[in-house]
Amino acid sequence: MKILELNTGLFPDAQTVTAALRQMEPAHRVESIDLRRRDMEDEAWDRVIAAILDFDLTITI
């Protein structure tokens, strides 16, 4: 399974979710995108949208 983690900085227990996802990496493809950056341009947002459409599961933390 391909799992996408979108880090928004809004989830109070993000470290626990991130740790759980890291444990899943041997069995699943896990990718993380940090959305907290304020300097993201259109191309970066296009890559985020493409990743959301490409992955099986998206988790927002």
Protein backbone atom coordinates (compact mmCIF):
# COMPACT_ATOMS: atom_id res chain seq x y z
CA MET A 1 0.00 0.00 0.00
CA LYS A 2 1.22 3.51 -0.76
CA ILE A 3 0.64 5.84 2.22
CA LEU A 4 1.06 9.61 2.01
CA GLU A 5 1.57 11.67 5.17
CA LEU A 6 0.74 15.37 4.85
CA ASN A 7 2.28 17.28 7.73
CA THR A 8 0.23 20.42 8.38
CA GLY A 9 1.39 21.05 11.93
CA LEU A 10 -2.23 21.05 13.12
CA PHE A 11 -2.44 17.60 14.73
CA PRO A 12 -1.36 17.66 18.40
CA ASP A 13 -0.07 14.06 18.51
CA ALA A 14 1.67 14.02 15.14
CA GLN A 15 4.81 12.40 16.53
CA THR A 16 2.90 9.25 17.50
CA VAL A 17 1.30 8.94 14.06
CA THR A 18 4.64 9.56 12.33
CA ALA A 19 6.32 6.91 14.50
CA ALA A 20 3.59 4.40 13.64
CA LEU A 21 3.98 5.14 9.93
CA ARG A 22 7.75 4.62 10.16
CA GLN A 23 7.11 1.15 11.61
CA MET A 24 4.94 0.37 8.59
CA GLU A 25 7.67 1.27 6.08
CA PRO A 26 9.04 -2.27 5.64
CA ALA A 27 5.64 -3.49 4.44
CA HIS A 28 4.30 -0.32 2.80
CA ARG A 29 5.62 2.65 0.84
CA VAL A 30 5.33 5.69 3.11
CA GLU A 31 6.09 9.20 1.90
CA SER A 32 5.84 12.42 3.86
CA ILE A 33 5.26 15.94 2.56
CA ASP A 34 5.74 18.93 4.85
CA LEU A 35 3.03 21.51 4.13
CA ARG A 36 4.13 23.87 6.91
CA ARG A 37 6.52 25.74 4.62
CA ARG A 38 5.22 29.18 3.73
CA ASP A 39 7.34 29.47 0.59
CA MET A 40 5.65 26.67 -1.39
CA GLU A 41 5.00 27.70 -4.97
CA ASP A 42 2.54 26.40 -7.53
CA GLU A 43 4.83 23.58 -8.72
CA ALA A 44 5.14 22.27 -5.16
CA TRP A 45 1.37 22.32 -4.71
CA ASP A 46 0.98 20.53 -8.06
CA ARG A 47 3.27 17.76 -6.74
CA VAL A 48 1.15 17.53 -3.56
CA ILE A 49 -2.04 17.10 -5.60
CA ALA A 50 -0.37 14.51 -7.85
CA ALA A 51 0.82 12.57 -4.79
CA ILE A 52 -2.66 12.62 -3.21
CA LEU A 53 -4.13 11.19 -6.41
CA ASP A 54 -1.35 8.60 -6.78
CA PHE A 55 -1.29 7.18 -3.23
CA ASP A 56 -3.76 4.67 -1.80
CA LEU A 57 -4.13 6.39 1.58
CA THR A 58 -3.53 10.00 2.66
CA ILE A 59 -3.08 10.85 6.34
CA THR A 60 -3.12 14.51 7.36
CA ILE A 61 -1.39 15.39 10.60
